[in-house]
């Protein structure tokens, strides 16, 4: 999941809906339970409010979250 800071200073998730769908499809393939993609995106947004500001203030204005 790519997270970057926009010109307005706000954090943005890059295509969170498509990344959540891909992760859900992969989890089903390895027999893990399915999850709500909408809730997953909400969870990522909540995580970025807490952890994101400290992660995107470095030289590179974007990070990749391994989920």
N, C-alpha and C. Protein backbone atom coordinates (compact mmCIF):
# COMPACT_ATOMS: atom_id res chain seq x y z
N UNK A 1 0.86 -1.16 0.00
CA UNK A 1 0.00 0.00 0.00
C UNK A 1 0.91 1.22 0.00
N UNK A 2 0.80 2.06 -0.98
CA UNK A 2 1.62 3.27 -1.05
C UNK A 2 0.88 4.42 -0.38
N UNK A 3 1.59 5.11 0.48
CA UNK A 3 1.06 6.26 1.18
C UNK A 3 1.96 7.44 0.88
N UNK A 4 1.38 8.54 0.48
CA UNK A 4 2.20 9.71 0.16
C UNK A 4 1.53 10.97 0.67
N UNK A 5 2.30 12.02 0.74
CA UNK A 5 1.80 13.32 1.20
C UNK A 5 1.49 14.17 -0.03
N UNK A 6 0.26 14.69 -0.10
CA UNK A 6 -0.16 15.53 -1.21
C UNK A 6 0.40 16.93 -1.10
N UNK A 7 0.18 17.73 -2.13
CA UNK A 7 0.67 19.12 -2.12
C UNK A 7 0.07 19.93 -0.98
N UNK A 8 -1.13 19.52 -0.55
CA UNK A 8 -1.78 20.24 0.55
C UNK A 8 -1.31 19.76 1.92
N UNK A 9 -0.38 18.79 1.95
CA UNK A 9 0.16 18.29 3.20
C UNK A 9 -0.59 17.11 3.78
N UNK A 10 -1.72 16.75 3.21
CA UNK A 10 -2.50 15.62 3.72
C UNK A 10 -1.93 14.29 3.22
N UNK A 11 -2.07 13.26 4.06
CA UNK A 11 -1.62 11.93 3.66
C UNK A 11 -2.66 11.30 2.74
N UNK A 12 -2.20 10.57 1.76
CA UNK A 12 -3.08 9.93 0.80
C UNK A 12 -2.68 8.46 0.66
N UNK A 13 -3.69 7.60 0.53
CA UNK A 13 -3.46 6.19 0.22
C UNK A 13 -3.63 6.02 -1.28
N UNK A 14 -2.72 5.31 -1.90
CA UNK A 14 -2.78 5.10 -3.35
C UNK A 14 -3.65 3.88 -3.64
N UNK A 15 -4.78 4.09 -4.27
CA UNK A 15 -5.75 3.06 -4.67
C UNK A 15 -6.04 2.06 -3.55
N UNK A 16 -6.50 2.53 -2.40
CA UNK A 16 -6.71 1.61 -1.28
C UNK A 16 -7.77 0.55 -1.57
N UNK A 17 -8.80 0.91 -2.32
CA UNK A 17 -9.86 -0.05 -2.62
C UNK A 17 -9.34 -1.21 -3.48
N UNK A 18 -8.53 -0.91 -4.47
CA UNK A 18 -7.99 -1.96 -5.33
C UNK A 18 -6.95 -2.81 -4.60
N UNK A 19 -6.15 -2.17 -3.76
CA UNK A 19 -5.16 -2.93 -2.98
C UNK A 19 -5.85 -3.83 -1.95
N UNK A 20 -6.93 -3.36 -1.35
CA UNK A 20 -7.67 -4.19 -0.39
C UNK A 20 -8.30 -5.39 -1.10
N UNK A 21 -8.84 -5.17 -2.29
CA UNK A 21 -9.44 -6.27 -3.06
C UNK A 21 -8.38 -7.30 -3.42
N UNK A 22 -7.21 -6.84 -3.83
CA UNK A 22 -6.12 -7.76 -4.19
C UNK A 22 -5.67 -8.56 -2.97
N UNK A 23 -5.54 -7.90 -1.82
CA UNK A 23 -5.14 -8.59 -0.60
C UNK A 23 -6.20 -9.61 -0.19
N UNK A 24 -7.47 -9.26 -0.32
CA UNK A 24 -8.55 -10.17 0.02
C UNK A 24 -8.53 -11.40 -0.89
N UNK A 25 -8.29 -11.19 -2.17
CA UNK A 25 -8.22 -12.29 -3.12
C UNK A 25 -7.04 -13.22 -2.78
N UNK A 26 -5.92 -12.62 -2.44
CA UNK A 26 -4.74 -13.42 -2.07
C UNK A 26 -4.98 -14.21 -0.79
N UNK A 27 -5.65 -13.60 0.18
CA UNK A 27 -5.90 -14.31 1.44
C UNK A 27 -6.83 -15.50 1.22
N UNK A 28 -7.82 -15.34 0.35
CA UNK A 28 -8.71 -16.47 0.04
C UNK A 28 -7.93 -17.60 -0.62
N UNK A 29 -6.98 -17.25 -1.47
CA UNK A 29 -6.19 -18.25 -2.19
C UNK A 29 -5.38 -19.13 -1.25
N UNK A 30 -4.96 -18.58 -0.12
CA UNK A 30 -4.18 -19.36 0.84
C UNK A 30 -5.02 -19.79 2.04
N UNK A 31 -6.33 -19.81 1.84
CA UNK A 31 -7.30 -20.31 2.83
C UNK A 31 -7.38 -19.49 4.11
N UNK A 32 -7.13 -18.21 4.01
CA UNK A 32 -7.36 -17.31 5.14
C UNK A 32 -8.77 -16.74 5.01
N UNK A 33 -9.38 -16.37 6.10
CA UNK A 33 -10.74 -15.85 6.02
C UNK A 33 -10.79 -14.52 5.27
N UNK A 34 -11.91 -14.30 4.59
CA UNK A 34 -12.13 -13.03 3.89
C UNK A 34 -12.39 -11.93 4.92
N UNK A 35 -12.21 -10.70 4.50
CA UNK A 35 -12.44 -9.57 5.38
C UNK A 35 -13.18 -8.48 4.61
N UNK A 36 -13.76 -7.57 5.34
CA UNK A 36 -14.45 -6.44 4.72
C UNK A 36 -13.41 -5.46 4.19
N UNK A 37 -13.43 -5.24 2.89
CA UNK A 37 -12.46 -4.33 2.27
C UNK A 37 -12.69 -2.90 2.74
N UNK A 38 -13.93 -2.53 2.96
CA UNK A 38 -14.24 -1.18 3.43
C UNK A 38 -13.66 -0.97 4.83
N UNK A 39 -13.83 -1.97 5.70
CA UNK A 39 -13.29 -1.87 7.06
C UNK A 39 -11.76 -1.85 7.05
N UNK A 40 -11.17 -2.60 6.13
CA UNK A 40 -9.71 -2.62 6.00
C UNK A 40 -9.18 -1.23 5.64
N UNK A 41 -9.84 -0.56 4.71
CA UNK A 41 -9.42 0.78 4.30
C UNK A 41 -9.60 1.75 5.47
N UNK A 42 -10.69 1.61 6.23
CA UNK A 42 -10.89 2.46 7.41
C UNK A 42 -9.76 2.25 8.42
N UNK A 43 -9.37 0.99 8.60
CA UNK A 43 -8.29 0.66 9.53
C UNK A 43 -6.97 1.30 9.07
N UNK A 44 -6.68 1.22 7.77
CA UNK A 44 -5.45 1.83 7.26
C UNK A 44 -5.46 3.35 7.45
N UNK A 45 -6.60 3.97 7.22
CA UNK A 45 -6.70 5.42 7.42
C UNK A 45 -6.47 5.79 8.88
N UNK A 46 -7.02 4.99 9.79
CA UNK A 46 -6.82 5.24 11.22
C UNK A 46 -5.35 5.06 11.59
N UNK A 47 -4.71 4.04 11.04
CA UNK A 47 -3.29 3.81 11.30
C UNK A 47 -2.45 4.98 10.78
N UNK A 48 -2.77 5.49 9.63
CA UNK A 48 -2.00 6.60 9.06
C UNK A 48 -2.17 7.89 9.85
N UNK A 49 -3.32 8.06 10.50
CA UNK A 49 -3.48 9.24 11.35
C UNK A 49 -2.51 9.20 12.53
N UNK A 50 -2.25 7.99 13.02
CA UNK A 50 -1.37 7.82 14.17
C UNK A 50 0.09 7.73 13.75
N UNK A 51 0.38 6.87 12.78
CA UNK A 51 1.76 6.53 12.44
C UNK A 51 2.27 7.25 11.18
N UNK A 52 1.39 7.69 10.33
CA UNK A 52 1.79 8.26 9.05
C UNK A 52 2.62 9.53 9.10
N UNK A 53 2.24 10.50 9.93
CA UNK A 53 3.01 11.75 9.94
C UNK A 53 4.50 11.57 10.21
N UNK A 54 4.84 10.66 11.09
CA UNK A 54 6.27 10.46 11.39
C UNK A 54 6.97 9.70 10.28
N UNK A 55 6.25 8.94 9.50
CA UNK A 55 6.86 8.11 8.45
C UNK A 55 7.09 8.87 7.15
N UNK A 56 6.43 9.99 6.94
CA UNK A 56 6.53 10.69 5.66
C UNK A 56 7.25 12.03 5.75
N UNK A 57 7.96 12.27 6.81
CA UNK A 57 8.68 13.55 6.94
C UNK A 57 10.14 13.45 6.53
N UNK A 58 10.55 12.32 6.02
CA UNK A 58 11.94 12.10 5.64
C UNK A 58 12.18 12.55 4.20
N UNK A 59 13.33 12.20 3.67
CA UNK A 59 13.69 12.60 2.30
C UNK A 59 12.66 12.13 1.28
N UNK A 60 12.16 10.92 1.46
CA UNK A 60 11.20 10.37 0.51
C UNK A 60 9.79 10.67 1.02
N UNK A 61 8.98 11.38 0.26
CA UNK A 61 7.67 11.79 0.76
C UNK A 61 6.63 10.67 0.72
N UNK A 62 7.02 9.44 0.37
CA UNK A 62 6.05 8.36 0.36
C UNK A 62 6.64 7.13 1.04
N UNK A 63 5.76 6.27 1.51
CA UNK A 63 6.18 5.02 2.14
C UNK A 63 5.35 3.89 1.55
N UNK A 64 5.83 2.69 1.73
CA UNK A 64 5.07 1.51 1.34
C UNK A 64 4.76 0.75 2.61
N UNK A 65 3.49 0.56 2.89
CA UNK A 65 3.07 -0.19 4.06
C UNK A 65 2.91 -1.65 3.68
N UNK A 66 3.65 -2.49 4.34
CA UNK A 66 3.54 -3.93 4.09
C UNK A 66 2.44 -4.48 4.97
N UNK A 67 1.38 -4.93 4.32
CA UNK A 67 0.25 -5.51 5.07
C UNK A 67 -0.03 -6.91 4.61
